[in-house]
Amino acid sequence: MQHLVARDSSSATLVRAQFLMQLAMKTLQKEFYQILSSNRDHLDPETLSTRSSLDRRTSSVSDYVSDYDDEASVFSISEDEYRISETERVSMLAMDDLRAIAQCMICTGYGKECVKVYVVMRKSIVDEALYHLGVERFSFSQLQKLDWEVLELKIKTWLKAAKVAVRTLFHGERILCDHVFADGSGKRIAESCFADIAKDGAASLFGFPEMVAKCKKTPEKMFRTLDLYEAVSDLWPQIETIFSFESTSSIRLQAVTSMAKLAEAVRTMLTDFENAIQKEASKKPVPGGGIHPLTRYVMNYLTFLADYSGVLVDIIADLPQSPLPESYYRSPMRDENPPASDLSERIAWIILVVLCKLDGKAELYKDVPLSYLFLANNMQYVVVKVRKSNLGFLLGEEWLAQHESKVREYANKYERVAWSKAFASLPENPAAELPAEQARACFAKFNAAFHEACRKQSSWVVSDPKIREEIKGSIASKLEQKYSEFYKKNRVGSESVIKLLPGDIANHLSNILNGNGTGDSSHSSSTSSSSHRSNPR
């Protein structure tokens, strides 16, 4: 045809040839449309993505078998294992037909018509797929008006949709574009087509996390924000590969921007969380010295945070260092993994802030021993939460050992102060024989001090069963030993005032520190007294 144009651009032969060419191209254009339309099910992104992984797998197996052909009997590949399904076979035939038509139309100058049909058809498939995945297009003003419960549901939907959209939908479209427009100038056309098909949907998909990050920040939104960051971060390698064209650089930029905004939101919420702890100003002591709501809230929050340690390490890198002195805490990962150490120290700092607040709240108790019990309870709660979660990995055994020793220290202080009157009512040398009058006075004082301590502590609580039994056991052991020696030496002549046998002490103590107000009972006292009177020793 070029030869005819050069000789006579108005020749009848040339005109007829051009007419026939146009007719042929229109026929090809219709056929191109027909293949795209009739094979929507066979050219779905899931099938295309499956085909890509199958191609890679089959290729690697073929290479392996060719390299070790002489050992085919050992490394034989089952035909069924790599059998291509009927759907995949039809999709490959359709893709090859589309490629042949596209090459023909592009070579004859009808690439524009080919691309128009292709983009319209495939873009409708992408947009429809995103719609069915639940990907909605919001403006920021619409999004920020949503109640958190509604927005959280949207985030959950997005988290599921994003994985499918990237790994299946956009991945499949990229495979199809690269195959149909594979040769020569078609590579540039493939880039243009893919950008026109995917950009709008991808921009909407990856713009959603950025808008969420810009919404009002509250502590309850922390974990969904981290979910979004983690999802985009996990998908980033595939996003970078699928949208590698220059014309789709805006999609890569949007994904990076979303991660940056989400990270900024997390840092802001973490700082606000710390500030909220420091500003907490409740003045009502917890009944019985139990676990303070602040302790529960903060430790549960930190436990969940620790599950995101993988992404938090990157996020908090830009936070100012905690004011925690190195003498107080040195991360076990300081030398091996400095970024992870920064996270460990940040968490250790937050826990220290909580413990300092609890020190202040302990002063609200009028009973000094109850304040120590309160501190022991809350410290033990912190230790257990750390040990049973990823916090233990971040803070390390040394941190745990230090704080477990604090629990014991508080428990010992409680024991010493709470039972000081009972111990002091007995002579310094309990094995010494006292004058009858003095012995009776000691028995009376011990009875009064012991029963008063039991009565008062019946409404107190030790939340951890193991610690509770250890404390009761320690008190019983020490009191029984001293009281038993005194009782054996001085019981004669004091029967009228003796209310307790040495063996009764543990029974009475079983009713304290349970928080149920059933401490020392008159029934148990009268039973002990009656038992003593009927069985003098």
Protein backbone atom coordinates (compact mmCIF):
# COMPACT_ATOMS: atom_id res chain seq x y z
CA MET A 1 0.00 0.00 0.00
CA GLN A 2 2.88 2.34 0.74
CA HIS A 3 4.13 1.63 -2.79
CA LEU A 4 0.76 2.68 -4.27
CA VAL A 5 0.70 5.85 -2.18
CA ALA A 6 4.14 6.77 -3.47
CA ARG A 7 3.10 6.24 -7.10
CA ASP A 8 -0.41 7.72 -7.10
CA SER A 9 -2.16 8.67 -3.89
CA SER A 10 -5.52 9.00 -5.67
CA SER A 11 -5.51 5.77 -7.64
CA ALA A 12 -8.64 3.66 -7.59
CA THR A 13 -6.64 0.67 -6.46
CA LEU A 14 -5.39 2.58 -3.43
CA VAL A 15 -8.86 3.84 -2.57
CA ARG A 16 -10.24 0.33 -2.77
CA ALA A 17 -7.38 -1.04 -0.69
CA GLN A 18 -8.01 1.57 1.99
CA PHE A 19 -11.72 0.78 1.98
CA LEU A 20 -11.02 -2.92 2.37
CA MET A 21 -8.54 -2.13 5.14
CA GLN A 22 -11.13 -0.07 7.02
CA LEU A 23 -13.69 -2.81 6.55
CA ALA A 24 -11.25 -5.41 7.85
CA MET A 25 -10.34 -3.28 10.85
CA LYS A 26 -13.99 -2.69 11.73
CA THR A 27 -14.53 -6.42 11.55
CA LEU A 28 -11.51 -6.99 13.79
CA GLN A 29 -12.72 -4.29 16.17
CA LYS A 30 -16.09 -6.03 16.46
CA GLU A 31 -14.37 -9.37 16.94
CA PHE A 32 -12.10 -7.81 19.58
CA TYR A 33 -15.18 -6.49 21.40
CA GLN A 34 -16.98 -9.81 21.00
CA ILE A 35 -14.07 -11.77 22.52
CA LEU A 36 -13.83 -9.36 25.45
CA SER A 37 -17.58 -9.44 25.99
CA SER A 38 -18.24 -13.16 25.60
CA ASN A 39 -15.23 -14.16 27.70
CA ARG A 40 -15.88 -11.94 30.72
CA ASP A 41 -16.09 -15.02 32.93
CA HIS A 42 -12.95 -16.58 31.45
CA LEU A 43 -10.99 -13.33 31.58
CA ASP A 44 -11.89 -12.60 35.18
CA PRO A 45 -8.98 -11.38 37.34
CA GLU A 46 -8.97 -14.47 39.55
CA THR A 47 -8.46 -16.78 36.58
CA LEU A 48 -5.76 -14.49 35.19
CA SER A 49 -3.95 -14.34 38.54
CA THR A 50 -4.14 -18.12 38.84
CA ARG A 51 -2.76 -18.47 35.36
CA SER A 52 0.20 -16.25 36.24
CA SER A 53 1.16 -18.39 39.24
CA LEU A 54 0.58 -21.54 37.20
CA ASP A 55 2.84 -20.25 34.42
CA ARG A 56 5.62 -19.55 36.91
CA ARG A 57 5.20 -22.92 38.57
CA THR A 58 5.08 -24.85 35.28
CA SER A 59 8.10 -22.93 34.00
CA SER A 60 10.16 -23.73 37.08
CA VAL A 61 9.15 -27.38 36.92
CA SER A 62 10.04 -27.56 33.22
CA ASP A 63 13.47 -26.09 33.89
CA TYR A 64 13.98 -28.53 36.73
CA VAL A 65 12.98 -31.55 34.67
CA SER A 66 15.14 -30.51 31.70
CA ASP A 67 18.17 -30.10 33.96
CA TYR A 68 17.69 -33.54 35.44
CA ASP A 69 16.18 -35.38 32.49
CA ASP A 70 18.29 -38.45 33.15
CA GLU A 71 16.68 -38.72 36.60
CA ALA A 72 13.12 -38.37 35.32
CA SER A 73 12.05 -41.54 37.05
CA VAL A 74 13.02 -40.07 40.42
CA PHE A 75 11.71 -36.54 39.87
CA SER A 76 8.63 -37.39 37.79
CA ILE A 77 5.88 -34.77 37.74
CA SER A 78 2.30 -35.90 37.89
CA GLU A 79 0.34 -34.84 34.83
CA ASP A 80 -2.74 -34.24 36.96
CA GLU A 81 -0.80 -31.95 39.31
CA TYR A 82 -0.21 -29.36 36.58
CA ARG A 83 -3.22 -30.04 34.38
CA ILE A 84 -4.73 -26.78 33.12
CA SER A 85 -8.43 -26.53 33.77
CA GLU A 86 -10.93 -25.98 30.98
CA THR A 87 -11.54 -22.42 32.19
CA GLU A 88 -7.84 -21.61 32.08
CA ARG A 89 -7.55 -23.18 28.62
CA VAL A 90 -10.39 -21.03 27.28
CA SER A 91 -8.95 -17.91 28.90
CA MET A 92 -5.55 -18.50 27.31
CA LEU A 93 -7.11 -19.00 23.89
CA ALA A 94 -9.09 -15.78 24.31
CA MET A 95 -5.98 -13.89 25.45
CA ASP A 96 -4.00 -15.14 22.47
CA ASP A 97 -6.80 -14.11 20.08
CA LEU A 98 -6.96 -10.66 21.66
CA ARG A 99 -3.22 -10.32 21.35
CA ALA A 100 -3.24 -11.27 17.67
CA ILE A 101 -6.03 -8.79 16.87
CA ALA A 102 -4.36 -6.02 18.89
CA GLN A 103 -1.05 -6.53 17.09
CA CYS A 104 -2.79 -6.41 13.71
CA MET A 105 -4.79 -3.26 14.48
CA ILE A 106 -1.81 -1.45 16.00
CA CYS A 107 0.45 -2.31 13.06
CA THR A 108 -2.11 -0.96 10.59
CA GLY A 109 -2.65 2.28 12.46
CA TYR A 110 -5.88 1.34 14.22
CA GLY A 111 -4.43 1.10 17.69
CA LYS A 112 -6.62 3.93 19.00
CA GLU A 113 -9.81 2.08 18.11
CA CYS A 114 -8.48 -1.12 19.65
CA VAL A 115 -7.50 0.61 22.89
CA LYS A 116 -10.85 2.39 23.19
CA VAL A 117 -12.78 -0.89 23.09
CA TYR A 118 -10.35 -2.59 25.45
CA VAL A 119 -10.33 0.18 28.09
CA VAL A 120 -14.12 0.61 28.13
CA MET A 121 -14.71 -3.13 28.57
CA ARG A 122 -12.02 -3.84 31.15
CA LYS A 123 -12.60 -0.67 33.20
CA SER A 124 -16.24 -1.61 33.63
CA ILE A 125 -15.12 -5.02 34.95
CA VAL A 126 -12.69 -3.45 37.43
CA ASP A 127 -15.21 -0.88 38.65
CA GLU A 128 -17.90 -3.53 39.02
CA ALA A 129 -15.54 -5.83 40.91
CA LEU A 130 -14.55 -3.06 43.33
CA TYR A 131 -18.22 -2.28 43.90
CA HIS A 132 -18.98 -5.91 44.75
CA LEU A 133 -15.97 -5.97 47.09
CA GLY A 134 -17.57 -3.12 49.00
CA VAL A 135 -15.09 -0.40 48.01
CA GLU A 136 -16.98 2.87 48.24
CA ARG A 137 -15.95 6.30 47.07
CA PHE A 138 -16.18 8.87 49.83
CA SER A 139 -15.27 12.48 50.14
CA PHE A 140 -13.48 13.41 53.34
CA SER A 141 -16.47 15.43 54.53
CA GLN A 142 -18.70 12.37 54.13
CA LEU A 143 -16.27 10.10 55.92
CA GLN A 144 -15.71 12.29 58.97
CA LYS A 145 -19.46 12.55 59.57
CA LEU A 146 -19.80 8.79 60.03
CA ASP A 147 -20.21 7.38 63.54
CA TRP A 148 -17.21 5.34 64.62
CA GLU A 149 -19.23 2.10 64.67
CA VAL A 150 -20.19 2.67 61.02
CA LEU A 151 -16.69 3.71 60.00
CA GLU A 152 -15.22 0.66 61.72
CA LEU A 153 -17.44 -1.59 59.59
CA LYS A 154 -16.24 0.26 56.49
CA ILE A 155 -12.64 -0.33 57.56
CA LYS A 156 -13.27 -4.05 58.09
CA THR A 157 -14.77 -4.26 54.61
CA TRP A 158 -11.82 -2.34 53.15
CA LEU A 159 -9.27 -4.63 54.82
CA LYS A 160 -10.80 -7.67 53.13
CA ALA A 161 -11.35 -5.89 49.83
CA ALA A 162 -7.83 -4.46 49.57
CA LYS A 163 -6.17 -7.89 49.58
CA VAL A 164 -8.46 -9.20 46.84
CA ALA A 165 -8.22 -5.98 44.82
CA VAL A 166 -4.42 -5.94 44.78
CA ARG A 167 -3.58 -9.64 44.65
CA THR A 168 -6.35 -10.65 42.28
CA LEU A 169 -8.11 -7.75 40.55
CA PHE A 170 -5.29 -5.35 39.66
CA HIS A 171 -2.78 -8.17 39.38
CA GLY A 172 -5.00 -9.95 36.87
CA GLU A 173 -5.58 -6.77 34.84
CA ARG A 174 -1.86 -6.10 34.67
CA ILE A 175 -1.27 -9.66 33.41
CA LEU A 176 -3.95 -9.27 30.72
CA CYS A 177 -2.67 -5.87 29.57
CA ASP A 178 0.91 -7.11 29.39
CA HIS A 179 -0.18 -10.14 27.37
CA VAL A 180 -2.54 -8.44 24.91
CA PHE A 181 -0.20 -5.52 24.20
CA ALA A 182 3.09 -7.34 24.49
CA ASP A 183 5.13 -6.52 21.39
CA GLY A 184 6.78 -3.43 19.97
CA SER A 185 4.92 -0.20 20.59
CA GLY A 186 2.24 -2.29 22.30
CA LYS A 187 4.23 -2.08 25.55
CA ARG A 188 3.60 1.64 25.69
CA ILE A 189 -0.03 1.00 24.88
CA ALA A 190 -0.20 -1.63 27.66
CA GLU A 191 0.99 0.99 30.13
CA SER A 192 -1.57 3.51 28.91
CA CYS A 193 -4.41 0.97 28.96
CA PHE A 194 -3.63 -0.32 32.43
CA ALA A 195 -3.41 3.22 33.78
CA ASP A 196 -6.78 4.16 32.25
CA ILE A 197 -8.40 0.98 33.55
CA ALA A 198 -7.00 0.88 37.08
CA LYS A 199 -6.11 4.41 38.17
CA ASP A 200 -9.54 5.60 39.28
CA GLY A 201 -10.36 2.47 41.25
CA ALA A 202 -6.89 2.19 42.76
CA ALA A 203 -6.83 5.86 43.73
CA SER A 204 -10.15 5.43 45.51
CA LEU A 205 -8.98 2.22 47.19
CA PHE A 206 -5.68 3.58 48.49
CA GLY A 207 -7.09 7.02 49.27
CA PHE A 208 -9.48 5.60 51.87
CA PRO A 209 -6.81 4.92 54.54
CA GLU A 210 -5.47 8.46 54.21
CA MET A 211 -8.94 9.91 54.82
CA VAL A 212 -9.41 7.66 57.86
CA ALA A 213 -6.06 8.87 59.19
CA LYS A 214 -7.23 12.49 58.90
CA CYS A 215 -10.42 11.90 60.91
CA LYS A 216 -10.70 12.82 64.59
CA LYS A 217 -8.26 10.74 66.60
CA THR A 218 -9.29 8.89 69.75
CA PRO A 219 -7.63 5.95 71.55
CA GLU A 220 -10.35 3.54 70.41
CA LYS A 221 -9.36 4.13 66.78
CA MET A 222 -5.75 3.11 67.31
CA PHE A 223 -6.09 -0.56 66.43
CA ARG A 224 -8.12 -0.12 63.24
CA THR A 225 -5.62 2.52 62.17
CA LEU A 226 -2.83 0.01 62.76
CA ASP A 227 -4.81 -2.60 60.81
CA LEU A 228 -4.95 -0.23 57.85
CA TYR A 229 -1.25 0.57 58.08
CA GLU A 230 -0.34 -3.10 58.34
CA ALA A 231 -2.54 -3.98 55.35
CA VAL A 232 -1.03 -1.33 53.06
CA SER A 233 2.47 -2.17 54.29
CA ASP A 234 1.95 -5.88 53.57
CA LEU A 235 0.58 -5.13 50.10
CA TRP A 236 3.27 -2.58 49.25
CA PRO A 237 5.66 -4.96 47.40
CA GLN A 238 2.80 -6.04 45.12
CA ILE A 239 1.54 -2.48 44.71
CA GLU A 240 5.04 -1.43 43.66
CA THR A 241 5.23 -4.25 41.10
CA ILE A 242 1.71 -4.01 39.68
CA PHE A 243 1.74 -0.21 39.41
CA SER A 244 5.36 0.02 38.27
CA PHE A 245 4.59 2.13 35.19
CA GLU A 246 5.46 5.80 35.24
CA SER A 247 1.85 6.57 34.37
CA THR A 248 0.70 4.81 37.56
CA SER A 249 3.26 6.44 39.84
CA SER A 250 0.43 8.45 41.42
CA ILE A 251 -1.01 5.18 42.76
CA ARG A 252 2.29 4.26 44.37
CA LEU A 253 2.50 7.77 45.79
CA GLN A 254 -1.04 7.49 47.17
CA ALA A 255 -0.20 4.21 48.93
CA VAL A 256 2.96 5.72 50.44
CA THR A 257 1.06 8.85 51.48
CA SER A 258 -1.62 6.75 53.16
CA MET A 259 1.02 4.85 55.13
CA ALA A 260 2.69 8.10 56.16
CA LYS A 261 -0.61 9.64 57.31
CA LEU A 262 -1.61 6.49 59.16
CA ALA A 263 1.76 6.39 60.91
CA GLU A 264 1.37 10.04 61.87
CA ALA A 265 -2.11 9.32 63.25
CA VAL A 266 -0.78 6.39 65.31
CA ARG A 267 2.01 8.54 66.77
CA THR A 268 -0.50 11.24 67.67
CA MET A 269 -2.86 8.75 69.32
CA LEU A 270 0.01 7.15 71.24
CA THR A 271 1.11 10.55 72.55
CA ASP A 272 -2.49 11.42 73.44
CA PHE A 273 -2.80 8.07 75.22
CA GLU A 274 0.25 8.84 77.38
CA ASN A 275 -1.07 12.31 78.15
CA ALA A 276 -4.48 10.91 79.10
CA ILE A 277 -2.83 8.56 81.61
CA GLN A 278 -0.91 11.41 83.19
CA LYS A 279 -4.06 13.56 83.39
CA GLU A 280 -6.29 10.83 84.89
CA ALA A 281 -7.48 12.32 88.16
CA SER A 282 -10.02 9.98 89.77
CA LYS A 283 -10.08 10.34 93.56
CA LYS A 284 -12.23 7.37 94.54
CA PRO A 285 -10.23 4.46 95.97
CA VAL A 286 -11.00 1.01 94.60
CA PRO A 287 -12.94 -1.03 97.21
CA GLY A 288 -10.82 -3.62 98.97
CA GLY A 289 -7.59 -2.48 97.31
CA GLY A 290 -8.45 -4.25 94.05
CA ILE A 291 -7.36 -3.60 90.48
CA HIS A 292 -7.82 0.02 89.44
CA PRO A 293 -9.76 0.60 86.18
CA LEU A 294 -6.81 2.63 84.90
CA THR A 295 -4.52 -0.38 85.32
CA ARG A 296 -6.93 -2.66 83.47
CA TYR A 297 -7.48 -0.19 80.66
CA VAL A 298 -3.84 0.66 80.08
CA MET A 299 -2.55 -2.91 80.28
CA ASN A 300 -5.25 -4.27 77.99
CA TYR A 301 -4.46 -1.45 75.58
CA LEU A 302 -0.73 -2.17 75.68
CA THR A 303 -1.36 -5.90 75.27
CA PHE A 304 -3.19 -5.22 72.02
CA LEU A 305 -0.50 -2.76 70.96
CA ALA A 306 2.18 -5.39 71.44
CA ASP A 307 0.46 -7.56 68.83
CA TYR A 308 1.33 -4.84 66.31
CA SER A 309 4.99 -4.63 67.32
CA GLY A 310 6.12 -5.45 63.77
CA VAL A 311 4.66 -2.25 62.33
CA LEU A 312 4.96 -0.14 65.48
CA VAL A 313 8.74 -0.48 65.34
CA ASP A 314 8.74 1.54 62.11
CA ILE A 315 6.02 3.94 63.17
CA ILE A 316 7.48 5.12 66.49
CA ALA A 317 10.96 5.62 65.05
CA ASP A 318 10.05 9.29 64.51
CA LEU A 319 8.71 9.81 68.04
CA PRO A 320 10.85 11.73 70.52
CA GLN A 321 12.73 9.38 72.85
CA SER A 322 10.97 8.59 76.10
CA PRO A 323 12.37 10.41 79.15
CA LEU A 324 13.02 7.02 80.74
CA PRO A 325 16.47 6.97 82.38
CA GLU A 326 18.64 4.10 81.16
CA SER A 327 19.32 3.16 84.77
CA TYR A 328 15.61 2.31 85.14
CA TYR A 329 15.27 0.19 82.04
CA ARG A 330 17.56 -1.12 79.34
CA SER A 331 15.92 -3.07 76.55
CA PRO A 332 17.23 -6.62 76.02
CA MET A 333 17.15 -5.79 72.29
CA ARG A 334 19.18 -2.58 72.54
CA ASP A 335 22.28 -4.07 70.90
CA GLU A 336 20.59 -6.57 68.56
CA ASN A 337 17.69 -4.50 67.25
CA PRO A 338 17.73 -0.78 68.15
CA PRO A 339 14.34 0.03 66.50
CA ALA A 340 12.61 -2.75 68.47
CA SER A 341 14.40 -1.47 71.55
CA ASP A 342 12.83 1.97 71.02
CA LEU A 343 9.40 0.35 71.11
CA SER A 344 10.29 -1.63 74.24
CA GLU A 345 11.44 1.51 76.01
CA ARG A 346 8.34 3.42 74.96
CA ILE A 347 6.11 0.71 76.45
CA ALA A 348 8.25 0.53 79.60
CA TRP A 349 7.85 4.29 79.93
CA ILE A 350 4.05 4.12 79.62
CA ILE A 351 3.91 1.40 82.28
CA LEU A 352 6.11 3.51 84.55
CA VAL A 353 3.70 6.43 84.11
CA VAL A 354 0.82 4.16 85.17
CA LEU A 355 2.71 2.86 88.20
CA CYS A 356 3.51 6.40 89.30
CA LYS A 357 -0.19 7.28 89.03
CA LEU A 358 -1.01 4.23 91.14
CA ASP A 359 1.46 5.35 93.80
CA GLY A 360 -0.57 8.52 94.10
CA LYS A 361 -3.86 6.65 94.24
CA ALA A 362 -2.54 4.38 97.00
CA GLU A 363 -2.38 7.46 99.23
CA LEU A 364 -6.19 7.73 99.05
CA TYR A 365 -6.50 4.76 101.43
CA LYS A 366 -6.73 5.56 105.14
CA ASP A 367 -5.40 2.11 106.06
CA VAL A 368 -1.70 1.94 105.25
CA PRO A 369 -1.68 -1.87 104.84
CA LEU A 370 -4.58 -1.59 102.39
CA SER A 371 -2.55 0.85 100.31
CA TYR A 372 0.27 -1.71 100.09
CA LEU A 373 -2.25 -4.39 99.14
CA PHE A 374 -3.58 -2.09 96.41
CA LEU A 375 -0.06 -1.62 95.03
CA ALA A 376 0.66 -5.35 95.18
CA ASN A 377 -2.59 -6.19 93.37
CA ASN A 378 -2.02 -3.71 90.59
CA MET A 379 1.66 -4.55 90.16
CA GLN A 380 0.80 -8.25 89.94
CA TYR A 381 -1.86 -7.49 87.31
CA VAL A 382 0.75 -5.64 85.26
CA VAL A 383 3.26 -8.48 85.60
CA VAL A 384 0.73 -11.16 84.58
CA LYS A 385 -0.42 -9.14 81.56
CA VAL A 386 3.16 -8.68 80.43
CA ARG A 387 4.13 -12.31 80.94
CA LYS A 388 1.10 -13.69 79.10
CA SER A 389 1.39 -11.47 76.03
CA ASN A 390 3.89 -10.19 73.48
CA LEU A 391 4.78 -7.52 76.03
CA GLY A 392 6.92 -10.17 77.72
CA PHE A 393 9.03 -10.52 74.59
CA LEU A 394 9.42 -6.75 74.29
CA LEU A 395 10.26 -6.05 77.94
CA GLY A 396 12.27 -9.17 78.74
CA GLU A 397 12.84 -11.37 81.77
CA GLU A 398 14.93 -8.82 83.66
CA TRP A 399 12.05 -6.33 83.63
CA LEU A 400 9.64 -9.04 84.77
CA ALA A 401 11.95 -10.15 87.59
CA GLN A 402 12.30 -6.57 88.85
CA HIS A 403 8.55 -6.04 88.97
CA GLU A 404 7.79 -9.44 90.46
CA SER A 405 10.14 -8.55 93.31
CA LYS A 406 8.12 -5.34 93.75
CA VAL A 407 4.96 -7.42 94.19
CA ARG A 408 6.66 -9.41 96.95
CA GLU A 409 7.96 -6.22 98.54
CA TYR A 410 4.46 -4.67 98.69
CA ALA A 411 2.96 -7.94 100.00
CA ASN A 412 5.58 -8.10 102.76
CA LYS A 413 4.90 -4.50 103.76
CA TYR A 414 1.16 -5.19 103.90
CA GLU A 415 1.75 -8.26 106.05
CA ARG A 416 4.09 -6.49 108.44
CA VAL A 417 1.82 -3.47 108.99
CA ALA A 418 -1.58 -5.22 108.88
CA TRP A 419 -0.62 -7.85 111.45
CA SER A 420 1.76 -5.81 113.59
CA LYS A 421 -0.75 -5.51 116.49
CA ALA A 422 -1.39 -9.23 116.54
CA PHE A 423 2.33 -10.01 116.62
CA ALA A 424 3.02 -7.24 119.15
CA SER A 425 0.34 -8.57 121.52
CA LEU A 426 2.46 -11.67 122.10
CA PRO A 427 5.63 -11.49 124.20
CA GLU A 428 8.93 -11.11 122.41
CA ASN A 429 9.93 -14.52 123.72
CA PRO A 430 6.74 -16.58 123.28
CA ALA A 431 8.28 -19.66 124.90
CA ALA A 432 8.75 -17.82 128.21
CA GLU A 433 6.32 -18.66 131.01
CA LEU A 434 4.51 -15.52 132.24
CA PRO A 435 2.63 -14.81 135.45
CA ALA A 436 -1.01 -15.91 135.10
CA GLU A 437 -2.39 -12.37 135.09
CA GLN A 438 0.07 -11.20 132.46
CA ALA A 439 -0.55 -14.31 130.33
CA ARG A 440 -4.32 -13.74 130.42
CA ALA A 441 -3.79 -10.14 129.34
CA CYS A 442 -1.65 -11.30 126.40
CA PHE A 443 -4.28 -13.84 125.32
CA ALA A 444 -6.99 -11.17 125.49
CA LYS A 445 -4.92 -8.68 123.49
CA PHE A 446 -4.08 -11.29 120.86
CA ASN A 447 -7.73 -12.34 120.53
CA ALA A 448 -8.84 -8.75 120.07
CA ALA A 449 -6.05 -7.84 117.63
CA PHE A 450 -6.46 -11.01 115.58
CA HIS A 451 -10.24 -10.80 115.29
CA GLU A 452 -10.11 -7.09 114.47
CA ALA A 453 -7.57 -7.71 111.71
CA CYS A 454 -9.69 -10.54 110.29
CA ARG A 455 -12.86 -8.45 110.47
CA LYS A 456 -11.25 -5.51 108.69
CA GLN A 457 -9.54 -7.60 106.04
CA SER A 458 -12.62 -9.64 105.21
CA SER A 459 -13.59 -6.93 102.72
CA TRP A 460 -10.09 -6.57 101.32
CA VAL A 461 -9.05 -8.46 98.24
CA VAL A 462 -6.02 -10.05 96.65
CA SER A 463 -7.04 -10.60 93.04
CA ASP A 464 -4.44 -13.17 92.08
CA PRO A 465 -5.34 -16.56 93.67
CA LYS A 466 -1.72 -17.71 93.83
CA ILE A 467 -0.52 -14.54 95.55
CA ARG A 468 -3.53 -14.63 97.88
CA GLU A 469 -2.73 -18.14 99.10
CA GLU A 470 0.95 -17.30 99.46
CA ILE A 471 0.12 -14.29 101.65
CA LYS A 472 -2.33 -16.25 103.80
CA GLY A 473 0.15 -19.09 104.13
CA SER A 474 2.91 -16.73 105.20
CA ILE A 475 0.73 -15.02 107.82
CA ALA A 476 -0.61 -18.32 109.15
CA SER A 477 2.84 -19.87 109.38
CA LYS A 478 4.36 -16.98 111.32
CA LEU A 479 1.37 -16.39 113.62
CA GLU A 480 0.80 -20.07 114.34
CA GLN A 481 4.44 -20.62 115.22
CA LYS A 482 4.60 -17.73 117.69
CA TYR A 483 1.11 -18.22 119.12
CA SER A 484 1.59 -21.99 119.46
CA GLU A 485 4.73 -21.53 121.55
CA PHE A 486 3.00 -18.99 123.78
CA TYR A 487 -0.15 -21.12 124.03
CA LYS A 488 1.68 -24.27 125.07
CA LYS A 489 3.62 -22.47 127.80
CA ASN A 490 0.84 -20.26 129.19
CA ARG A 491 -2.54 -21.91 128.57
CA VAL A 492 -2.92 -23.29 132.06
CA GLY A 493 -4.84 -20.79 134.15
CA SER A 494 -5.91 -18.73 131.12
CA GLU A 495 -8.69 -21.01 129.82
CA SER A 496 -11.38 -18.41 130.48
CA VAL A 497 -9.88 -15.87 128.06
CA ILE A 498 -8.49 -18.18 125.38
CA LYS A 499 -10.64 -17.85 122.24
CA LEU A 500 -8.31 -19.43 119.72
CA LEU A 501 -6.44 -22.68 119.40
CA PRO A 502 -3.24 -22.54 117.32
CA GLY A 503 -4.93 -24.67 114.67
CA ASP A 504 -7.83 -22.21 114.36
CA ILE A 505 -5.68 -19.44 112.93
CA ALA A 506 -5.51 -20.84 109.39
CA ASN A 507 -9.29 -21.43 109.38
CA HIS A 508 -9.97 -17.81 110.27
CA LEU A 509 -7.47 -16.56 107.70
CA SER A 510 -9.23 -18.50 104.95
CA ASN A 511 -11.97 -15.86 105.04
CA ILE A 512 -9.78 -12.80 104.53
CA LEU A 513 -8.60 -11.11 101.31
CA ASN A 514 -11.46 -12.59 99.27
CA GLY A 515 -13.33 -9.31 99.06
CA ASN A 516 -16.58 -10.90 100.22
CA GLY A 517 -16.88 -9.42 103.73
CA THR A 518 -17.11 -12.83 105.43
CA GLY A 519 -14.05 -12.52 107.61
CA ASP A 520 -13.88 -13.60 111.23
CA SER A 521 -17.26 -15.03 112.21
CA SER A 522 -18.78 -15.42 115.65
CA HIS A 523 -19.66 -19.00 114.77
CA SER A 524 -16.07 -20.01 114.17
CA SER A 525 -14.99 -18.17 117.30
CA SER A 526 -17.55 -19.87 119.51
CA THR A 527 -16.73 -23.23 117.98
CA SER A 528 -13.06 -22.76 118.78
CA SER A 529 -13.79 -21.65 122.32
CA SER A 530 -16.18 -24.52 122.92
CA SER A 531 -13.68 -26.96 121.51
CA HIS A 532 -11.03 -25.62 123.85
CA ARG A 533 -13.24 -25.80 126.93
CA SER A 534 -14.32 -29.36 126.28
CA ASN A 535 -10.82 -30.54 125.45
CA PRO A 536 -8.38 -28.84 127.79
CA ARG A 537 -4.75 -29.52 127.21
